[in-house]
Protein backbone atom coordinates (compact mmCIF):
# COMPACT_ATOMS: atom_id res chain seq x y z
CA MET A 1 4.04 11.24 11.86
CA ILE A 2 6.55 9.36 9.70
CA GLU A 3 8.36 6.34 11.09
CA LEU A 4 11.03 4.25 9.39
CA HIS A 5 11.35 0.55 10.10
CA GLU A 6 13.77 -2.09 8.91
CA LEU A 7 11.97 -5.09 7.49
CA THR A 8 13.00 -8.70 7.90
CA ALA A 9 11.65 -11.73 6.11
CA ASP A 10 9.02 -12.06 8.82
CA ALA A 11 7.47 -8.80 7.54
CA TRP A 12 7.13 -10.14 4.00
CA GLN A 13 3.41 -9.28 3.86
CA THR A 14 4.11 -5.58 4.38
CA TRP A 15 6.77 -5.67 1.67
CA ARG A 16 4.41 -7.58 -0.63
CA GLU A 17 1.64 -5.00 -0.17
CA LEU A 18 3.97 -2.10 -0.98
CA ARG A 19 5.76 -3.80 -3.85
CA LEU A 20 2.57 -4.83 -5.61
CA ALA A 21 1.15 -1.33 -5.16
CA ALA A 22 4.36 0.12 -6.62
CA LEU A 23 4.34 -2.17 -9.63
CA GLU A 24 0.68 -1.40 -10.28
CA GLU A 25 0.88 2.38 -9.75
CA ALA A 26 4.24 3.00 -11.47
CA PRO A 27 5.02 0.14 -13.87
CA TYR A 28 7.28 2.45 -15.90
CA ALA A 29 9.63 2.88 -12.94
CA PHE A 30 10.75 -0.70 -12.35
CA GLY A 31 12.61 -3.46 -14.15
CA SER A 32 10.10 -5.96 -12.74
CA GLN A 33 6.48 -6.14 -13.76
CA LEU A 34 3.37 -6.75 -11.68
CA SER A 35 2.88 -10.08 -13.46
CA ASP A 36 6.35 -11.16 -12.23
CA TRP A 37 5.25 -10.85 -8.59
CA VAL A 38 1.46 -10.89 -8.22
CA ASP A 39 1.25 -14.67 -7.75
CA ALA A 40 4.59 -15.10 -5.98
CA GLU A 41 4.66 -17.55 -3.09
CA GLU A 42 5.60 -16.53 0.43
CA GLU A 43 9.05 -18.11 0.03
CA ARG A 44 9.89 -15.78 -2.86
CA TRP A 45 8.89 -12.70 -0.85
CA ARG A 46 10.90 -13.89 2.13
CA ALA A 47 13.91 -14.60 -0.10
CA ARG A 48 13.75 -11.07 -1.51
CA LEU A 49 13.95 -9.63 2.00
CA ASP A 50 16.75 -12.05 2.92
CA LEU A 51 19.14 -11.14 0.10
CA PRO A 52 22.67 -11.47 1.49
CA GLY A 53 24.23 -8.08 2.17
CA SER A 54 21.00 -6.13 2.02
CA ARG A 55 18.73 -4.01 4.20
CA ASN A 56 15.08 -3.19 3.54
CA PHE A 57 13.26 -0.19 4.93
CA VAL A 58 9.64 0.89 5.03
CA ALA A 59 8.18 4.31 5.79
CA VAL A 60 4.96 4.40 7.81
CA LEU A 61 2.78 7.50 7.82
CA ASP A 62 0.18 7.67 10.58
CA GLY A 63 0.20 3.88 10.90
CA THR A 64 0.05 3.09 7.17
CA PRO A 65 3.04 1.85 5.14
CA VAL A 66 3.59 4.39 2.33
CA GLY A 67 7.15 3.91 1.13
CA MET A 68 9.97 1.45 0.73
CA ALA A 69 13.62 1.23 -0.27
CA SER A 70 16.39 -1.32 -0.11
CA GLY A 71 20.15 -1.20 -0.09
CA VAL A 72 22.15 -4.11 -1.49
CA ARG A 73 25.86 -4.66 -1.78
CA THR A 74 27.07 -5.01 -5.35
CA ASP A 75 29.85 -7.12 -6.82
CA GLU A 76 31.93 -3.94 -6.96
CA ASN A 77 33.84 -3.49 -3.71
CA GLY A 78 32.61 -0.50 -1.71
CA VAL A 79 29.47 0.11 -3.80
CA VAL A 80 25.96 -0.26 -2.40
CA GLU A 81 22.92 -0.01 -4.66
CA LEU A 82 19.67 1.67 -3.71
CA ILE A 83 16.82 -0.40 -5.19
CA SER A 84 13.05 -0.80 -5.02
CA MET A 85 12.44 2.79 -3.96
CA TRP A 86 8.80 3.86 -4.12
CA ILE A 87 6.52 6.26 -2.28
CA ALA A 88 2.74 5.85 -2.42
CA PRO A 89 0.83 8.88 -3.72
CA ALA A 90 -0.50 9.54 -0.18
CA GLY A 91 3.07 9.90 1.08
CA ARG A 92 4.58 12.03 -1.67
CA GLY A 93 5.73 15.55 -0.99
CA ARG A 94 6.44 14.85 2.69
CA GLY A 95 10.17 14.12 2.53
CA ILE A 96 9.72 10.36 2.80
CA GLY A 97 11.97 9.70 -0.18
CA ASP A 98 14.71 11.77 1.45
CA GLN A 99 14.32 9.86 4.71
CA LEU A 100 14.43 6.45 3.03
CA MET A 101 17.51 7.39 1.01
CA ALA A 102 19.20 8.72 4.14
CA GLN A 103 18.50 5.44 5.93
CA VAL A 104 20.03 3.41 3.10
CA GLU A 105 22.97 5.81 2.92
CA HIS A 106 23.55 5.52 6.68
CA TRP A 107 23.60 1.73 6.42
CA ALA A 108 25.92 1.91 3.37
CA ARG A 109 28.38 4.13 5.27
CA ASP A 110 28.26 1.76 8.26
CA SER A 111 29.04 -1.05 5.80
CA ALA A 112 32.23 0.76 4.69
CA ALA A 113 30.80 1.64 1.27
CA HIS A 114 32.32 4.60 -0.55
CA THR A 115 29.64 4.89 -3.24
CA LEU A 116 25.86 4.67 -3.37
CA GLN A 117 24.47 3.72 -6.77
CA LEU A 118 20.98 3.51 -8.22
CA ALA A 119 19.24 3.07 -11.54
CA VAL A 120 16.26 5.19 -12.56
CA ALA A 121 13.97 4.64 -15.51
CA ASN A 122 14.51 7.02 -18.40
CA GLY A 123 11.59 9.46 -18.25
CA ASN A 124 10.96 9.09 -14.50
CA ASP A 125 11.80 12.76 -14.05
CA ARG A 126 10.30 13.20 -10.59
CA ALA A 127 12.49 10.44 -9.15
CA ARG A 128 15.55 11.58 -11.09
CA ASP A 129 15.10 15.13 -9.78
CA LEU A 130 14.94 13.77 -6.21
CA TYR A 131 18.15 11.84 -6.75
CA LEU A 132 19.93 14.85 -8.28
CA ARG A 133 18.90 17.02 -5.30
CA SER A 134 20.32 14.31 -3.03
CA GLY A 135 23.75 14.43 -4.64
CA PHE A 136 23.52 11.62 -7.21
CA ARG A 137 25.02 12.22 -10.64
CA ASP A 138 24.57 10.44 -13.97
CA THR A 139 27.28 7.99 -15.00
CA ASP A 140 28.28 6.39 -18.28
CA LEU A 141 27.60 2.95 -16.81
CA PRO A 142 25.17 0.88 -18.89
CA GLY A 143 21.74 0.50 -17.32
CA ASP A 144 19.54 -2.57 -17.59
CA LEU A 145 17.05 -2.87 -20.41
CA MET A 146 13.53 -1.97 -19.25
CA PRO A 147 10.59 -4.36 -19.79
CA ASP A 148 9.54 -2.37 -22.87
CA GLY A 149 12.64 -3.78 -24.61
CA ILE A 150 13.62 -0.33 -25.88
CA HIS A 151 14.78 1.93 -23.05
CA HIS A 152 17.62 1.46 -20.61
CA GLU A 153 17.82 2.62 -17.02
CA ILE A 154 20.03 5.59 -16.16
CA VAL A 155 22.71 4.65 -13.63
CA MET A 156 23.51 7.33 -11.07
CA ARG A 157 26.11 7.43 -8.30
CA LYS A 158 26.79 9.43 -5.17
CA PRO A 159 30.14 9.40 -3.35
CA LEU A 160 29.84 8.74 0.37
């Protein structure tokens, strides 16, 4: 059974566990690196979950956290960004990614957003395919430079 929960700063340890697992298992998929977070203090984890204008969600499969995603308001009026999305290998292929995206999208709509945006690492084809199936499309917006110093993220958007 899959359950979705919204996380607050008080659940920072759950977020920490998932985030570190994500950065270790899929370092190619994130702008942050494991070394950026592995020794982070509790205050930094709490601050990440307390970003103004954000919501953080975790997917729990049979009592074990297996996925996460966040939505954050951007500086662009009406645009919410989907960030930090990751599904543990044990949770893949069960629709958890779809459920997490739907939760962020629901919150974005309730926040009067008209666009949901995300950035995906160039070469992360499995994630990009999920986003395309969910209605996201590539844009010409410049993506951030990845930690390798060579590749840029692909920015995708979905109208709400």
